Amino acid sequence: MIDATMLAAINADPALRRWSRHMEADVLLEIGAETWRWVVRDGTLASVTAGPFVMPAWTVALRAEPEAWAIFMRPEPTPGYHDLMALVRRGALRVEGDLRPFMQHLFWFKAVFAKLREPKLQERAA
């Protein structure tokens, strides 16, 4: 999901660094059977590790249905799939664990996924 180029683009964005400067979290992103573990420390996305994991340690987990996530990750998602909270409302995304870092840094999460939607980054991932 995130390669070295995408990681560099996320970490180079001053707004993202500012919004996450106090975040210390291990984020488990699970889309269907695929999983990733993101380590966020002091304003940077320090690492992204692809699963599968046996017993991953995480602070907050985002678990999404693959079909809904595919719509969400389009460059221009349809209404109802355009935002993380819209996915939660639809029941297509579950946020589990310690909700404090997720809610405190909600703009960061939204902006990271918006950046991953950018066509130039998606072309590099393909």
N, C-alpha and C. Protein backbone atom coordinates (compact mmCIF):
# COMPACT_ATOMS: atom_id res chain seq x y z
N MET A 1 0.81 -1.20 0.00
CA MET A 1 0.00 0.00 0.00
C MET A 1 0.85 1.26 0.00
N ILE A 2 1.90 1.31 0.81
CA ILE A 2 2.78 2.48 0.85
C ILE A 2 4.19 2.02 0.54
N ASP A 3 4.75 2.56 -0.55
CA ASP A 3 6.15 2.25 -0.87
C ASP A 3 7.04 3.38 -0.36
N ALA A 4 8.32 3.30 -0.62
CA ALA A 4 9.28 4.29 -0.12
C ALA A 4 8.99 5.70 -0.65
N THR A 5 8.56 5.80 -1.91
CA THR A 5 8.24 7.10 -2.49
C THR A 5 7.05 7.74 -1.79
N MET A 6 6.03 6.94 -1.53
CA MET A 6 4.85 7.45 -0.83
C MET A 6 5.19 7.86 0.60
N LEU A 7 6.00 7.04 1.25
CA LEU A 7 6.42 7.34 2.62
C LEU A 7 7.18 8.66 2.67
N ALA A 8 8.06 8.87 1.71
CA ALA A 8 8.82 10.13 1.64
C ALA A 8 7.88 11.31 1.38
N ALA A 9 6.89 11.14 0.51
CA ALA A 9 5.94 12.22 0.20
C ALA A 9 5.10 12.57 1.44
N ILE A 10 4.69 11.58 2.19
CA ILE A 10 3.92 11.82 3.41
C ILE A 10 4.78 12.55 4.44
N ASN A 11 6.00 12.07 4.64
CA ASN A 11 6.87 12.67 5.65
C ASN A 11 7.40 14.05 5.24
N ALA A 12 7.37 14.36 3.95
CA ALA A 12 7.86 15.66 3.48
C ALA A 12 6.79 16.75 3.58
N ASP A 13 5.56 16.37 3.81
CA ASP A 13 4.47 17.34 3.87
C ASP A 13 4.48 18.04 5.23
N PRO A 14 4.72 19.37 5.25
CA PRO A 14 4.81 20.08 6.53
C PRO A 14 3.51 20.07 7.34
N ALA A 15 2.37 20.09 6.67
CA ALA A 15 1.09 20.05 7.39
C ALA A 15 0.92 18.71 8.11
N LEU A 16 1.26 17.64 7.42
CA LEU A 16 1.14 16.32 8.04
C LEU A 16 2.09 16.18 9.23
N ARG A 17 3.28 16.70 9.08
CA ARG A 17 4.25 16.63 10.19
C ARG A 17 3.76 17.46 11.39
N ARG A 18 3.18 18.59 11.11
CA ARG A 18 2.66 19.45 12.19
C ARG A 18 1.49 18.77 12.89
N TRP A 19 0.56 18.19 12.12
CA TRP A 19 -0.62 17.57 12.71
C TRP A 19 -0.29 16.32 13.52
N SER A 20 0.83 15.68 13.22
CA SER A 20 1.15 14.44 13.95
C SER A 20 2.35 14.60 14.87
N ARG A 21 2.78 15.83 15.12
CA ARG A 21 4.02 16.03 15.87
C ARG A 21 3.98 15.45 17.29
N HIS A 22 2.81 15.27 17.87
CA HIS A 22 2.72 14.71 19.22
C HIS A 22 2.16 13.29 19.22
N MET A 23 2.01 12.71 18.04
CA MET A 23 1.40 11.37 17.97
C MET A 23 2.45 10.28 18.13
N GLU A 24 2.16 9.38 19.03
CA GLU A 24 2.95 8.17 19.24
C GLU A 24 1.96 7.02 19.12
N ALA A 25 1.92 6.37 17.97
CA ALA A 25 0.92 5.33 17.78
C ALA A 25 1.42 4.26 16.81
N ASP A 26 0.98 3.06 17.08
CA ASP A 26 1.16 1.96 16.15
C ASP A 26 -0.23 1.67 15.59
N VAL A 27 -0.37 1.88 14.29
CA VAL A 27 -1.68 1.78 13.64
C VAL A 27 -1.72 0.50 12.82
N LEU A 28 -2.73 -0.31 13.08
CA LEU A 28 -2.95 -1.51 12.29
C LEU A 28 -4.02 -1.18 11.26
N LEU A 29 -3.68 -1.27 9.99
CA LEU A 29 -4.64 -1.04 8.91
C LEU A 29 -4.95 -2.40 8.30
N GLU A 30 -6.20 -2.79 8.39
CA GLU A 30 -6.62 -4.10 7.88
C GLU A 30 -7.73 -3.90 6.87
N ILE A 31 -7.46 -4.31 5.64
CA ILE A 31 -8.44 -4.21 4.56
C ILE A 31 -8.69 -5.63 4.08
N GLY A 32 -9.80 -6.19 4.50
CA GLY A 32 -10.06 -7.59 4.21
C GLY A 32 -9.01 -8.46 4.88
N ALA A 33 -8.33 -9.27 4.08
CA ALA A 33 -7.29 -10.15 4.62
C ALA A 33 -5.90 -9.51 4.62
N GLU A 34 -5.76 -8.33 4.02
CA GLU A 34 -4.46 -7.66 3.96
C GLU A 34 -4.29 -6.75 5.17
N THR A 35 -3.07 -6.75 5.73
CA THR A 35 -2.80 -5.92 6.90
C THR A 35 -1.47 -5.18 6.74
N TRP A 36 -1.42 -4.00 7.36
CA TRP A 36 -0.20 -3.21 7.43
C TRP A 36 -0.11 -2.65 8.84
N ARG A 37 1.11 -2.47 9.29
CA ARG A 37 1.34 -1.84 10.59
C ARG A 37 2.13 -0.56 10.34
N TRP A 38 1.56 0.57 10.75
CA TRP A 38 2.21 1.86 10.60
C TRP A 38 2.73 2.28 11.97
N VAL A 39 3.95 2.74 12.02
CA VAL A 39 4.53 3.28 13.25
C VAL A 39 4.68 4.79 13.05
N VAL A 40 3.97 5.56 13.87
CA VAL A 40 4.00 7.02 13.79
C VAL A 40 4.68 7.54 15.04
N ARG A 41 5.76 8.30 14.83
CA ARG A 41 6.52 8.85 15.95
C ARG A 41 6.91 10.29 15.65
N ASP A 42 6.59 11.19 16.55
CA ASP A 42 7.05 12.58 16.49
C ASP A 42 6.87 13.24 15.13
N GLY A 43 5.71 13.10 14.54
CA GLY A 43 5.43 13.80 13.30
C GLY A 43 5.83 13.10 12.03
N THR A 44 6.35 11.88 12.14
CA THR A 44 6.72 11.16 10.93
C THR A 44 6.10 9.76 10.94
N LEU A 45 5.82 9.29 9.76
CA LEU A 45 5.42 7.91 9.58
C LEU A 45 6.73 7.14 9.49
N ALA A 46 7.17 6.63 10.63
CA ALA A 46 8.51 6.04 10.74
C ALA A 46 8.67 4.77 9.93
N SER A 47 7.64 3.93 9.92
CA SER A 47 7.74 2.70 9.14
C SER A 47 6.36 2.17 8.80
N VAL A 48 6.33 1.40 7.71
CA VAL A 48 5.13 0.70 7.28
C VAL A 48 5.56 -0.74 6.99
N THR A 49 4.93 -1.68 7.68
CA THR A 49 5.26 -3.09 7.51
C THR A 49 4.02 -3.83 7.05
N ALA A 50 4.17 -4.60 5.98
CA ALA A 50 3.05 -5.38 5.47
C ALA A 50 2.94 -6.69 6.25
N GLY A 51 1.71 -7.13 6.47
CA GLY A 51 1.45 -8.39 7.17
C GLY A 51 1.56 -9.55 6.22
N PRO A 52 1.16 -10.70 6.61
CA PRO A 52 0.35 -11.01 7.78
C PRO A 52 1.19 -11.03 9.06
N PHE A 53 0.51 -10.79 10.16
CA PHE A 53 1.14 -10.78 11.47
C PHE A 53 0.49 -11.86 12.33
N VAL A 54 1.28 -12.43 13.22
CA VAL A 54 0.73 -13.45 14.12
C VAL A 54 -0.02 -12.78 15.26
N MET A 55 0.65 -11.93 16.00
CA MET A 55 0.01 -11.20 17.10
C MET A 55 0.54 -9.77 17.10
N PRO A 56 0.04 -8.94 16.20
CA PRO A 56 0.58 -7.58 16.10
C PRO A 56 0.20 -6.73 17.30
N ALA A 57 1.14 -5.92 17.75
CA ALA A 57 0.86 -4.94 18.79
C ALA A 57 0.45 -3.65 18.10
N TRP A 58 -0.64 -3.06 18.53
CA TRP A 58 -1.12 -1.83 17.92
C TRP A 58 -1.83 -0.97 18.95
N THR A 59 -1.85 0.32 18.68
CA THR A 59 -2.55 1.27 19.53
C THR A 59 -3.99 1.42 19.05
N VAL A 60 -4.14 1.62 17.75
CA VAL A 60 -5.45 1.77 17.14
C VAL A 60 -5.48 0.95 15.86
N ALA A 61 -6.62 0.31 15.61
CA ALA A 61 -6.77 -0.50 14.40
C ALA A 61 -7.90 0.07 13.55
N LEU A 62 -7.64 0.15 12.25
CA LEU A 62 -8.65 0.54 11.27
C LEU A 62 -8.92 -0.70 10.42
N ARG A 63 -10.13 -1.21 10.52
CA ARG A 63 -10.49 -2.43 9.80
C ARG A 63 -11.61 -2.11 8.81
N ALA A 64 -11.32 -2.31 7.53
CA ALA A 64 -12.27 -1.90 6.49
C ALA A 64 -12.64 -3.06 5.59
N GLU A 65 -13.84 -2.95 5.02
CA GLU A 65 -14.29 -3.91 4.01
C GLU A 65 -13.58 -3.57 2.70
N PRO A 66 -13.07 -4.57 1.98
CA PRO A 66 -12.30 -4.29 0.75
C PRO A 66 -13.07 -3.51 -0.31
N GLU A 67 -14.34 -3.82 -0.51
CA GLU A 67 -15.11 -3.14 -1.55
C GLU A 67 -15.27 -1.65 -1.22
N ALA A 68 -15.61 -1.36 0.03
CA ALA A 68 -15.78 0.03 0.45
C ALA A 68 -14.45 0.78 0.40
N TRP A 69 -13.37 0.09 0.78
CA TRP A 69 -12.05 0.73 0.77
C TRP A 69 -11.62 1.07 -0.65
N ALA A 70 -11.92 0.20 -1.59
CA ALA A 70 -11.57 0.46 -2.99
C ALA A 70 -12.28 1.72 -3.49
N ILE A 71 -13.53 1.90 -3.10
CA ILE A 71 -14.26 3.11 -3.49
C ILE A 71 -13.66 4.33 -2.78
N PHE A 72 -13.37 4.19 -1.49
CA PHE A 72 -12.78 5.28 -0.71
C PHE A 72 -11.45 5.75 -1.29
N MET A 73 -10.65 4.84 -1.83
CA MET A 73 -9.32 5.19 -2.33
C MET A 73 -9.31 5.69 -3.77
N ARG A 74 -10.46 5.78 -4.40
CA ARG A 74 -10.52 6.38 -5.74
C ARG A 74 -10.12 7.85 -5.65
N PRO A 75 -9.57 8.42 -6.73
CA PRO A 75 -9.23 9.85 -6.70
C PRO A 75 -10.41 10.74 -6.33
N GLU A 76 -11.61 10.37 -6.76
CA GLU A 76 -12.82 11.12 -6.40
C GLU A 76 -13.88 10.11 -5.94
N PRO A 77 -13.84 9.74 -4.65
CA PRO A 77 -14.81 8.74 -4.17
C PRO A 77 -16.24 9.29 -4.17
N THR A 78 -17.18 8.38 -4.29
CA THR A 78 -18.58 8.76 -4.29
C THR A 78 -19.03 9.18 -2.88
N PRO A 79 -20.09 9.99 -2.80
CA PRO A 79 -20.59 10.39 -1.49
C PRO A 79 -20.92 9.17 -0.62
N GLY A 80 -20.59 9.28 0.64
CA GLY A 80 -20.78 8.17 1.56
C GLY A 80 -19.54 7.31 1.70
N TYR A 81 -18.60 7.45 0.76
CA TYR A 81 -17.33 6.73 0.78
C TYR A 81 -16.16 7.71 0.74
N HIS A 82 -16.43 8.98 0.89
CA HIS A 82 -15.45 10.04 0.68
C HIS A 82 -14.60 10.35 1.91
N ASP A 83 -14.96 9.81 3.07
CA ASP A 83 -14.33 10.23 4.32
C ASP A 83 -14.27 9.04 5.28
N LEU A 84 -13.27 9.02 6.15
CA LEU A 84 -13.16 7.94 7.12
C LEU A 84 -14.40 7.85 8.00
N MET A 85 -14.90 9.00 8.46
CA MET A 85 -16.07 8.99 9.34
C MET A 85 -17.32 8.57 8.58
N ALA A 86 -17.38 8.83 7.28
CA ALA A 86 -18.51 8.35 6.48
C ALA A 86 -18.47 6.83 6.39
N LEU A 87 -17.27 6.26 6.27
CA LEU A 87 -17.15 4.80 6.25
C LEU A 87 -17.55 4.20 7.60
N VAL A 88 -17.18 4.88 8.69
CA VAL A 88 -17.58 4.41 10.02
C VAL A 88 -19.10 4.43 10.12
N ARG A 89 -19.70 5.50 9.67
CA ARG A 89 -21.16 5.63 9.74
C ARG A 89 -21.85 4.54 8.93
N ARG A 90 -21.29 4.17 7.79
CA ARG A 90 -21.86 3.11 6.95
C ARG A 90 -21.62 1.71 7.52
N GLY A 91 -20.70 1.61 8.47
CA GLY A 91 -20.34 0.30 9.02
C GLY A 91 -19.28 -0.40 8.19
N ALA A 92 -18.68 0.31 7.25
CA ALA A 92 -17.66 -0.27 6.38
C ALA A 92 -16.26 -0.15 6.97
N LEU A 93 -16.11 0.65 8.03
CA LEU A 93 -14.82 0.83 8.70
C LEU A 93 -15.07 0.76 10.20
N ARG A 94 -14.25 -0.07 10.86
CA ARG A 94 -14.29 -0.14 12.32
C ARG A 94 -13.00 0.44 12.86
N VAL A 95 -13.11 1.29 13.86
CA VAL A 95 -11.95 1.85 14.53
C VAL A 95 -11.93 1.21 15.91
N GLU A 96 -10.84 0.50 16.20
CA GLU A 96 -10.75 -0.25 17.45
C GLU A 96 -9.52 0.14 18.23
N GLY A 97 -9.54 -0.16 19.51
CA GLY A 97 -8.39 0.10 20.36
C GLY A 97 -8.52 1.45 21.05
N ASP A 98 -7.39 2.12 21.21
CA ASP A 98 -7.34 3.42 21.87
C ASP A 98 -7.77 4.48 20.85
N LEU A 99 -8.96 5.01 21.02
CA LEU A 99 -9.48 5.98 20.06
C LEU A 99 -8.87 7.36 20.22
N ARG A 100 -8.21 7.60 21.35
CA ARG A 100 -7.66 8.94 21.60
C ARG A 100 -6.70 9.40 20.51
N PRO A 101 -5.66 8.62 20.13
CA PRO A 101 -4.77 9.13 19.08
C PRO A 101 -5.48 9.31 17.74
N PHE A 102 -6.45 8.44 17.46
CA PHE A 102 -7.18 8.56 16.20
C PHE A 102 -7.99 9.85 16.18
N MET A 103 -8.73 10.13 17.24
CA MET A 103 -9.57 11.33 17.26
C MET A 103 -8.73 12.60 17.41
N GLN A 104 -7.65 12.55 18.20
CA GLN A 104 -6.80 13.73 18.36
C GLN A 104 -6.11 14.11 17.06
N HIS A 105 -5.83 13.13 16.24
CA HIS A 105 -5.07 13.35 15.00
C HIS A 105 -5.89 12.97 13.77
N LEU A 106 -7.20 13.17 13.87
CA LEU A 106 -8.10 12.79 12.77
C LEU A 106 -7.73 13.50 11.47
N PHE A 107 -7.37 14.79 11.54
CA PHE A 107 -6.96 15.50 10.32
C PHE A 107 -5.76 14.81 9.68
N TRP A 108 -4.82 14.32 10.47
CA TRP A 108 -3.66 13.63 9.93
C TRP A 108 -4.08 12.38 9.18
N PHE A 109 -4.92 11.56 9.81
CA PHE A 109 -5.38 10.33 9.15
C PHE A 109 -6.10 10.65 7.84
N LYS A 110 -7.00 11.62 7.89
CA LYS A 110 -7.73 12.00 6.67
C LYS A 110 -6.77 12.51 5.59
N ALA A 111 -5.80 13.32 5.98
CA ALA A 111 -4.87 13.89 5.00
C ALA A 111 -3.93 12.84 4.42
N VAL A 112 -3.51 11.88 5.23
CA VAL A 112 -2.64 10.82 4.71
C VAL A 112 -3.38 10.02 3.64
N PHE A 113 -4.60 9.63 3.92
CA PHE A 113 -5.35 8.86 2.92
C PHE A 113 -5.69 9.71 1.71
N ALA A 114 -5.93 10.99 1.89
CA ALA A 114 -6.15 11.87 0.74
C ALA A 114 -4.89 11.95 -0.12
N LYS A 115 -3.73 12.02 0.53
CA LYS A 115 -2.47 12.06 -0.21
C LYS A 115 -2.26 10.75 -0.97
N LEU A 116 -2.62 9.62 -0.36
CA LEU A 116 -2.47 8.33 -1.04
C LEU A 116 -3.42 8.20 -2.23
N ARG A 117 -4.48 9.00 -2.23
CA ARG A 117 -5.41 8.99 -3.36
C ARG A 117 -4.89 9.75 -4.56
N GLU A 118 -3.89 10.61 -4.36
CA GLU A 118 -3.40 11.43 -5.46
C GLU A 118 -2.97 10.56 -6.63
N PRO A 119 -3.42 10.89 -7.84
CA PRO A 119 -3.12 10.06 -9.00
C PRO A 119 -1.62 9.80 -9.21
N LYS A 120 -0.77 10.81 -9.00
CA LYS A 120 0.66 10.60 -9.23
C LYS A 120 1.24 9.58 -8.27
N LEU A 121 0.75 9.52 -7.03
CA LEU A 121 1.23 8.51 -6.09
C LEU A 121 0.65 7.15 -6.41
N GLN A 122 -0.61 7.11 -6.86
CA GLN A 122 -1.22 5.83 -7.21
C GLN A 122 -0.55 5.22 -8.43
N GLU A 123 -0.13 6.05 -9.39
CA GLU A 123 0.58 5.55 -10.57
C GLU A 123 1.89 4.88 -10.18
N ARG A 124 2.60 5.46 -9.21
CA ARG A 124 3.86 4.89 -8.76
C ARG A 124 3.65 3.55 -8.07
N ALA A 125 2.53 3.42 -7.35
CA ALA A 125 2.25 2.18 -6.62
C ALA A 125 1.84 1.06 -7.56
N ALA A 126 1.28 1.40 -8.73
CA ALA A 126 0.78 0.37 -9.66
C ALA A 126 1.90 -0.31 -10.41
